[in-house]
Amino acid sequence: MIVDDSAVIRGFLVKILASCEDIEITSIAANGQSAIQNLTKQKHDIILLDVEMPVMDGLAAIPRLLDVQPDVKILMCSTLTSKNAETSLRALALGAVECIAKPSSTQDMYSKDSFRETLVRTIRDLMGARIFKPLTRTATTSPTARPDITARAAATPSSGIQSQQKPTFASPQKTVTLKSGRDGYTGKPEILVIGSSTGGPNALFKLFASLRGIDIPVMLTQHMPPTFTKILAEHITQQSGISAVEAEEGMPIIAGRIHVAPGGFHMLADLKGATPVIRINDGPMENFCRPAVDPMFRSAVKVFGQKIMAVILTGMGQDGMLGSRDVVQAGGRVIAQDEATSVVWGMPGAAAMDGTCSAVLPLEEIGPWLRKQSLRLP
């Protein structure tokens, strides 16, 4: 369902999606109230929802839409303004699964292929990923798992989970039991690196709230567009009490501070003399993303070696899996969010199935595990 108060925007979105043979536009609405009526009449897989609309805006519509159909995936679509970034973060907290940035004018929409590619890929990923409801709701899976994860799982059970009870992860074709292993460096790390995507903001708020008093630096790559990442950093500071900033070129990597990759740029670790610093670049996308998790992980390994702790949280795709291999090869450790508490078990699932993880844990257990096992915090 396409929900937008602008007839021009609706027409543009219809034109994009109608050109895709595997995507069907089931209904169109001009505001949240009409969207609720449409959903009452017919189930939908995905709702593409605008933020600002008359009668009923996107924020007001989200909980009511989820009441009608709890398993519908709501994809927010808003322009790149600070106000809309704030609103989109609130929408994610209410149960939207992802937000994408639409160009600020119809002229830009028609001239920028990147928006079309992002929109179509996100819709396809949402339907191909293993989807779970927000943490406050009952978890349900999508009927199909991502082919890359399923194929890997069916080919060879992965190793790499350290726990008293070895967790199992179900796919439609096979149930894989992950073996224990991969302890890596057991001393206190010199840096914590975190990657997240779909469902990430809420997961990050919960994780950082449990890491107050952290005394090592944190580098965070969350898949988000420009403007949104600065607002995300502000929200992390407000909700966790830990200083978080949108990273800048040459910024020192400081203990006790969260350095957030700016939207549209990769964030890397580097050395200026003996001082770890941030490098920002607009190099090629990796895993269809910029910022991406893999280059951040790789660069952190070059600077910090084995004294690195990596965490992969909820998100679509497999960004972070290859970088996790580099972390483990250097002697560092990787942990991932588990299937049941992930909004989308793509990124953490890929790392788990790849066998690089020391632990795969529910979100609420990651912070305590880090404090005790890695950060040596009381």
Protein backbone atom coordinates (compact mmCIF):
# COMPACT_ATOMS: atom_id res chain seq x y z
CA MET A 1 0.00 0.00 0.00
CA ILE A 2 1.24 3.48 -0.90
CA VAL A 3 0.18 6.16 1.59
CA ASP A 4 1.00 9.79 0.75
CA ASP A 5 -1.08 12.97 0.63
CA SER A 6 0.62 14.17 -2.58
CA ALA A 7 -0.97 12.85 -5.77
CA VAL A 8 2.27 13.60 -7.60
CA ILE A 9 4.35 11.57 -5.14
CA ARG A 10 1.83 8.74 -5.19
CA GLY A 11 2.01 8.69 -8.99
CA PHE A 12 5.79 8.65 -8.90
CA LEU A 13 5.89 5.76 -6.43
CA VAL A 14 3.31 3.84 -8.47
CA LYS A 15 5.45 4.31 -11.58
CA ILE A 16 8.53 2.94 -9.81
CA LEU A 17 6.87 -0.08 -8.24
CA ALA A 18 4.60 -0.95 -11.16
CA SER A 19 7.72 -1.53 -13.24
CA CYS A 20 8.75 -4.39 -10.92
CA GLU A 21 7.19 -7.72 -11.87
CA ASP A 22 7.56 -9.12 -8.35
CA ILE A 23 5.87 -6.17 -6.59
CA GLU A 24 2.10 -5.61 -6.65
CA ILE A 25 0.47 -2.34 -5.61
CA THR A 26 -2.61 -3.51 -3.73
CA SER A 27 -4.04 -0.14 -2.68
CA ILE A 28 -3.36 3.60 -2.42
CA ALA A 29 -4.32 6.05 0.33
CA ALA A 30 -3.97 9.81 0.84
CA ASN A 31 -3.78 9.74 4.64
CA GLY A 32 -3.49 7.44 7.63
CA GLN A 33 -7.23 7.08 8.15
CA SER A 34 -7.78 5.88 4.59
CA ALA A 35 -4.85 3.50 5.01
CA ILE A 36 -6.50 1.93 8.05
CA GLN A 37 -9.72 1.48 6.08
CA ASN A 38 -7.81 -0.16 3.22
CA LEU A 39 -6.02 -2.50 5.60
CA THR A 40 -9.29 -3.47 7.24
CA LYS A 41 -10.60 -4.62 3.86
CA GLN A 42 -7.51 -6.48 2.68
CA LYS A 43 -4.21 -7.71 4.11
CA HIS A 44 -0.98 -6.21 2.82
CA ASP A 45 2.66 -7.25 3.14
CA ILE A 46 4.21 -3.76 3.19
CA ILE A 47 2.90 -0.23 3.72
CA LEU A 48 4.96 2.64 2.30
CA LEU A 49 3.96 5.42 4.70
CA ASP A 50 4.50 9.17 4.47
CA VAL A 51 5.09 11.18 7.65
CA GLU A 52 3.18 14.43 7.29
CA MET A 53 -0.41 14.05 6.04
CA PRO A 54 -3.78 15.69 6.76
CA VAL A 55 -6.62 13.93 8.64
CA MET A 56 -4.20 11.43 10.20
CA ASP A 57 -0.42 11.58 9.92
CA GLY A 58 2.00 8.68 9.75
CA LEU A 59 2.86 8.62 13.45
CA ALA A 60 -0.76 8.45 14.53
CA ALA A 61 -1.48 5.76 11.95
CA ILE A 62 1.32 3.31 12.85
CA PRO A 63 -0.12 1.79 16.06
CA ARG A 64 -3.61 1.60 14.56
CA LEU A 65 -2.33 -0.09 11.42
CA LEU A 66 -0.45 -2.64 13.53
CA ASP A 67 -3.59 -3.24 15.58
CA VAL A 68 -5.43 -4.16 12.38
CA GLN A 69 -2.62 -6.32 11.00
CA PRO A 70 0.23 -6.96 13.47
CA ASP A 71 2.51 -8.61 10.88
CA VAL A 72 2.43 -5.82 8.27
CA LYS A 73 5.81 -4.19 7.58
CA ILE A 74 5.64 -0.41 7.71
CA LEU A 75 8.29 1.42 5.70
CA MET A 76 8.55 5.14 6.44
CA CYS A 77 9.39 7.47 3.57
CA SER A 78 10.32 11.08 4.39
CA THR A 79 12.50 13.90 3.14
CA LEU A 80 15.92 14.65 4.64
CA THR A 81 15.13 17.28 7.24
CA SER A 82 16.00 17.35 10.92
CA LYS A 83 12.30 17.46 11.78
CA ASN A 84 11.53 14.42 9.67
CA ALA A 85 14.56 12.59 11.05
CA GLU A 86 13.20 13.11 14.57
CA THR A 87 9.78 11.93 13.43
CA SER A 88 11.19 8.87 11.69
CA LEU A 89 13.01 7.77 14.85
CA ARG A 90 9.71 8.07 16.72
CA ALA A 91 8.06 6.02 13.96
CA LEU A 92 10.64 3.26 14.40
CA ALA A 93 9.94 3.25 18.13
CA LEU A 94 6.23 2.84 17.37
CA GLY A 95 6.81 -0.23 15.19
CA ALA A 96 7.88 0.86 11.71
CA VAL A 97 10.60 -1.50 10.49
CA GLU A 98 12.64 0.87 8.34
CA CYS A 99 12.85 4.42 7.04
CA ILE A 100 14.17 5.63 3.72
CA ALA A 101 14.81 9.17 2.54
CA LYS A 102 12.90 10.48 -0.45
CA PRO A 103 14.26 13.38 -2.51
CA SER A 104 13.00 16.81 -1.51
CA SER A 105 11.47 17.57 -4.90
CA THR A 106 9.72 15.64 -7.66
CA GLN A 107 12.41 16.83 -10.06
CA ASP A 108 15.06 15.16 -7.90
CA MET A 109 12.92 12.03 -7.66
CA TYR A 110 12.86 11.61 -11.42
CA SER A 111 16.57 12.37 -11.79
CA LYS A 112 17.97 10.23 -8.99
CA ASP A 113 18.13 6.50 -9.72
CA SER A 114 19.49 5.86 -6.23
CA PHE A 115 16.08 6.47 -4.64
CA ARG A 116 14.41 3.96 -6.95
CA GLU A 117 17.13 1.40 -6.30
CA THR A 118 16.98 1.90 -2.54
CA LEU A 119 13.19 1.68 -2.43
CA VAL A 120 12.93 -1.47 -4.55
CA ARG A 121 15.83 -3.21 -2.81
CA THR A 122 14.41 -2.41 0.63
CA ILE A 123 11.00 -3.82 -0.28
CA ARG A 124 12.55 -6.96 -1.72
CA ASP A 125 14.83 -7.37 1.29
CA LEU A 126 11.93 -6.96 3.70
CA MET A 127 10.02 -9.73 1.99
CA GLY A 128 13.09 -11.96 1.61
CA ALA A 129 14.48 -11.47 5.11
CA ARG A 130 13.41 -13.29 8.23
CA ILE A 131 11.09 -10.73 9.76
CA PHE A 132 10.12 -10.36 13.41
CA LYS A 133 7.80 -7.89 15.09
CA PRO A 134 9.14 -5.12 17.34
CA LEU A 135 10.33 -6.29 20.76
CA THR A 136 7.09 -5.16 22.40
CA ARG A 137 5.06 -7.42 20.15
CA THR A 138 4.84 -11.14 19.49
CA ALA A 139 7.61 -12.40 17.24
CA THR A 140 6.56 -13.89 13.91
CA THR A 141 8.68 -14.97 11.00
CA SER A 142 8.36 -14.37 7.32
CA PRO A 143 7.59 -17.54 5.36
CA THR A 144 10.96 -17.53 3.62
CA ALA A 145 14.51 -17.08 4.81
CA ARG A 146 17.22 -15.21 2.92
CA PRO A 147 18.66 -17.64 0.36
CA ASP A 148 22.31 -16.91 1.24
CA ILE A 149 21.83 -17.74 4.93
CA THR A 150 19.64 -20.77 4.27
CA ALA A 151 22.05 -22.19 1.71
CA ARG A 152 25.00 -21.77 4.07
CA ALA A 153 23.09 -23.37 6.93
CA ALA A 154 21.99 -26.32 4.83
CA ALA A 155 25.50 -26.87 3.49
CA THR A 156 27.40 -26.98 6.78
CA PRO A 157 26.40 -26.38 10.38
CA SER A 158 28.31 -23.37 11.63
CA SER A 159 30.56 -23.20 14.65
CA GLY A 160 31.12 -20.32 16.98
CA ILE A 161 28.60 -20.04 19.81
CA GLN A 162 29.73 -19.99 23.40
CA SER A 163 26.95 -20.74 25.84
CA GLN A 164 25.86 -23.39 28.30
CA GLN A 165 22.87 -24.27 26.13
CA LYS A 166 23.78 -24.33 22.47
CA PRO A 167 21.13 -22.31 20.63
CA THR A 168 19.42 -23.54 17.50
CA PHE A 169 18.24 -21.43 14.60
CA ALA A 170 15.38 -22.60 12.47
CA SER A 171 15.06 -22.18 8.72
CA PRO A 172 12.31 -23.64 6.52
CA GLN A 173 14.71 -26.29 5.19
CA LYS A 174 16.84 -27.22 8.17
CA THR A 175 17.46 -26.60 11.85
CA VAL A 176 21.09 -25.76 12.53
CA THR A 177 22.73 -26.25 15.89
CA LEU A 178 25.61 -23.84 16.35
CA LYS A 179 28.64 -25.30 18.12
CA SER A 180 30.69 -23.69 20.85
CA GLY A 181 34.11 -22.24 20.04
CA ARG A 182 35.78 -18.89 19.09
CA ASP A 183 36.83 -17.38 22.39
CA GLY A 184 39.44 -15.08 20.88
CA TYR A 185 41.09 -12.35 22.98
CA THR A 186 39.74 -12.59 26.52
CA GLY A 187 41.39 -9.48 27.95
CA LYS A 188 39.73 -6.09 28.03
CA PRO A 189 39.30 -4.76 24.48
CA GLU A 190 40.53 -1.33 23.43
CA ILE A 191 37.47 -0.63 21.29
CA LEU A 192 33.86 -1.76 20.85
CA VAL A 193 32.58 -1.72 17.25
CA ILE A 194 28.88 -2.13 16.51
CA GLY A 195 26.93 -2.64 13.30
CA SER A 196 23.15 -2.43 12.92
CA SER A 197 20.44 -1.71 10.38
CA THR A 198 16.69 -2.44 10.32
CA GLY A 199 15.40 -2.26 13.87
CA GLY A 200 18.77 -0.90 14.98
CA PRO A 201 17.85 2.41 16.67
CA ASN A 202 15.62 0.83 19.30
CA ALA A 203 18.11 -1.99 19.84
CA LEU A 204 20.91 0.54 20.26
CA PHE A 205 18.98 2.55 22.84
CA LYS A 206 18.44 -0.60 24.90
CA LEU A 207 22.04 -1.77 24.53
CA PHE A 208 23.68 1.54 25.46
CA ALA A 209 21.36 2.04 28.41
CA SER A 210 22.98 -1.09 29.87
CA LEU A 211 26.54 0.13 29.14
CA ARG A 212 26.63 3.29 31.25
CA GLY A 213 30.14 3.87 32.56
CA ILE A 214 31.80 2.33 29.51
CA ASP A 215 35.46 3.38 29.52
CA ILE A 216 36.58 2.38 26.03
CA PRO A 217 35.66 4.06 22.73
CA VAL A 218 32.73 2.87 20.63
CA MET A 219 32.43 3.04 16.84
CA LEU A 220 28.90 2.55 15.51
CA THR A 221 27.69 2.10 11.94
CA GLN A 222 23.90 2.20 11.64
CA HIS A 223 22.49 2.09 8.11
CA MET A 224 20.82 5.49 7.90
CA PRO A 225 20.75 8.42 5.47
CA PRO A 226 22.36 11.81 6.07
CA THR A 227 20.72 14.02 8.74
CA PHE A 228 19.25 10.95 10.43
CA THR A 229 22.59 9.86 11.90
CA LYS A 230 23.16 13.17 13.68
CA ILE A 231 19.69 12.93 15.25
CA LEU A 232 20.39 9.29 16.17
CA ALA A 233 23.56 10.33 18.02
CA GLU A 234 21.61 12.97 19.94
CA HIS A 235 18.94 10.44 20.91
CA ILE A 236 21.56 7.93 22.05
CA THR A 237 23.08 10.57 24.34
CA GLN A 238 19.67 11.52 25.73
CA GLN A 239 18.50 7.97 26.34
CA SER A 240 21.71 6.30 27.52
CA GLY A 241 23.65 9.08 29.23
CA ILE A 242 26.72 8.14 27.16
CA SER A 243 28.19 10.86 24.96
CA ALA A 244 27.49 10.13 21.28
CA VAL A 245 28.51 12.24 18.30
CA GLU A 246 28.23 12.05 14.54
CA ALA A 247 31.82 11.35 13.54
CA GLU A 248 33.92 13.83 11.57
CA GLU A 249 37.15 13.53 9.58
CA GLY A 250 40.22 13.48 11.85
CA MET A 251 38.19 13.28 15.07
CA PRO A 252 40.14 11.51 17.85
CA ILE A 253 38.60 8.20 18.91
CA ILE A 254 37.99 8.92 22.59
CA ALA A 255 37.27 6.47 25.40
CA GLY A 256 33.73 6.67 26.77
CA ARG A 257 32.36 8.23 23.58
CA ILE A 258 30.18 6.69 20.85
CA HIS A 259 31.29 7.70 17.36
CA VAL A 260 28.40 7.36 14.89
CA ALA A 261 29.14 6.95 11.18
CA PRO A 262 27.62 9.88 9.24
CA GLY A 263 24.94 8.99 6.71
CA GLY A 264 26.31 8.74 3.20
CA PHE A 265 29.92 8.10 4.29
CA HIS A 266 31.99 5.15 5.45
CA MET A 267 33.62 5.60 8.86
CA LEU A 268 37.08 4.09 9.35
CA ALA A 269 39.62 3.90 12.15
CA ASP A 270 43.15 5.12 11.47
CA LEU A 271 46.26 6.28 13.30
CA LYS A 272 47.66 9.81 13.40
CA GLY A 273 50.99 9.16 14.98
CA ALA A 274 50.04 7.02 17.97
CA THR A 275 46.53 8.49 18.28
CA PRO A 276 43.51 6.58 16.89
CA VAL A 277 41.39 8.91 14.73
CA ILE A 278 38.31 8.78 12.52
CA ARG A 279 38.55 8.81 8.75
CA ILE A 280 35.48 9.57 6.65
CA ASN A 281 35.19 8.73 2.97
CA ASP A 282 32.58 8.42 0.24
CA GLY A 283 34.10 5.35 -1.37
CA PRO A 284 32.04 2.71 -3.19
CA MET A 285 29.07 1.19 -1.38
CA GLU A 286 29.58 -2.18 0.23
CA ASN A 287 26.62 -4.52 0.64
CA PHE A 288 24.60 -1.76 -1.08
CA CYS A 289 25.35 0.49 1.91
CA ARG A 290 27.28 3.64 2.75
CA PRO A 291 28.02 3.76 5.62
CA ALA A 292 28.75 0.05 5.79
CA VAL A 293 29.81 -2.13 8.69
CA ASP A 294 32.45 -4.25 6.91
CA PRO A 295 34.92 -1.43 6.16
CA MET A 296 34.60 -0.14 9.73
CA PHE A 297 35.39 -3.60 11.13
CA ARG A 298 38.36 -4.04 8.77
CA SER A 299 39.85 -0.68 9.63
CA ALA A 300 39.40 -1.20 13.37
CA VAL A 301 41.34 -4.46 13.12
CA LYS A 302 44.26 -2.63 11.49
CA VAL A 303 44.42 -0.13 14.36
CA PHE A 304 43.48 -2.22 17.40
CA GLY A 305 44.45 -5.75 16.35
CA GLN A 306 43.09 -8.48 18.57
CA LYS A 307 41.93 -6.03 21.23
CA ILE A 308 38.59 -5.51 19.53
CA MET A 309 35.05 -6.48 20.48
CA ALA A 310 32.47 -6.49 17.67
CA VAL A 311 28.69 -6.62 18.00
CA ILE A 312 26.21 -7.17 15.18
CA LEU A 313 22.61 -6.21 15.87
CA THR A 314 19.36 -6.58 13.95
CA GLY A 315 19.39 -5.68 10.26
CA MET A 316 18.73 -6.77 6.68
CA GLY A 317 21.37 -8.32 4.48
CA GLN A 318 24.75 -9.61 5.62
CA ASP A 319 26.82 -6.46 6.16
CA GLY A 320 29.32 -7.19 8.93
CA MET A 321 29.76 -10.88 8.16
CA LEU A 322 32.98 -10.48 6.15
CA GLY A 323 34.33 -7.89 8.57
CA SER A 324 33.63 -10.30 11.42
CA ARG A 325 35.94 -12.82 9.77
CA ASP A 326 38.71 -10.21 9.86
CA VAL A 327 38.02 -9.53 13.55
CA VAL A 328 38.20 -13.22 14.44
CA GLN A 329 41.26 -13.84 12.25
CA ALA A 330 43.05 -11.04 14.12
CA GLY A 331 42.12 -12.65 17.45
CA GLY A 332 39.21 -10.42 18.42
CA ARG A 333 35.69 -11.49 19.32
CA VAL A 334 32.25 -11.10 17.75
CA ILE A 335 28.82 -11.48 19.28
CA ALA A 336 25.46 -11.21 17.53
CA GLN A 337 21.87 -10.52 18.50
CA ASP A 338 19.70 -13.63 18.47
CA GLU A 339 16.88 -14.46 16.11
CA ALA A 340 13.96 -14.02 18.49
CA THR A 341 14.75 -10.43 19.52
CA SER A 342 15.84 -9.18 16.08
CA VAL A 343 13.43 -7.22 13.93
CA VAL A 344 15.24 -8.76 10.95
CA TRP A 345 17.70 -11.62 11.50
CA GLY A 346 19.78 -10.89 8.42
CA MET A 347 23.07 -9.30 9.52
CA PRO A 348 23.38 -11.10 12.88
CA GLY A 349 22.10 -14.31 11.34
CA ALA A 350 24.72 -14.19 8.58
CA ALA A 351 27.52 -13.81 11.15
CA ALA A 352 26.05 -16.54 13.35
CA MET A 353 25.74 -18.98 10.48
CA ASP A 354 29.22 -18.09 9.27
CA GLY A 355 30.72 -19.35 12.51
CA THR A 356 32.55 -16.25 13.69
CA CYS A 357 30.57 -15.53 16.86
CA SER A 358 31.65 -16.18 20.42
CA ALA A 359 28.02 -15.76 21.50
CA VAL A 360 24.57 -15.21 20.02
CA LEU A 361 22.40 -13.56 22.65
CA PRO A 362 18.99 -11.96 23.20
CA LEU A 363 19.25 -8.18 23.04
CA GLU A 364 18.68 -7.72 26.77
CA GLU A 365 21.61 -10.04 27.57
CA ILE A 366 24.20 -8.42 25.29
CA GLY A 367 24.93 -5.46 27.58
CA PRO A 368 25.37 -7.59 30.73
CA TRP A 369 27.53 -10.07 28.75
CA LEU A 370 29.75 -7.26 27.52
CA ARG A 371 30.09 -5.71 30.98
CA LYS A 372 31.10 -8.99 32.58
CA GLN A 373 32.91 -10.93 29.86
CA SER A 374 34.62 -8.18 27.93
CA LEU A 375 34.51 -4.64 29.32
CA ARG A 376 35.27 -5.66 32.91
CA LEU A 377 32.69 -3.17 34.21
CA PRO A 378 30.87 -3.67 37.54
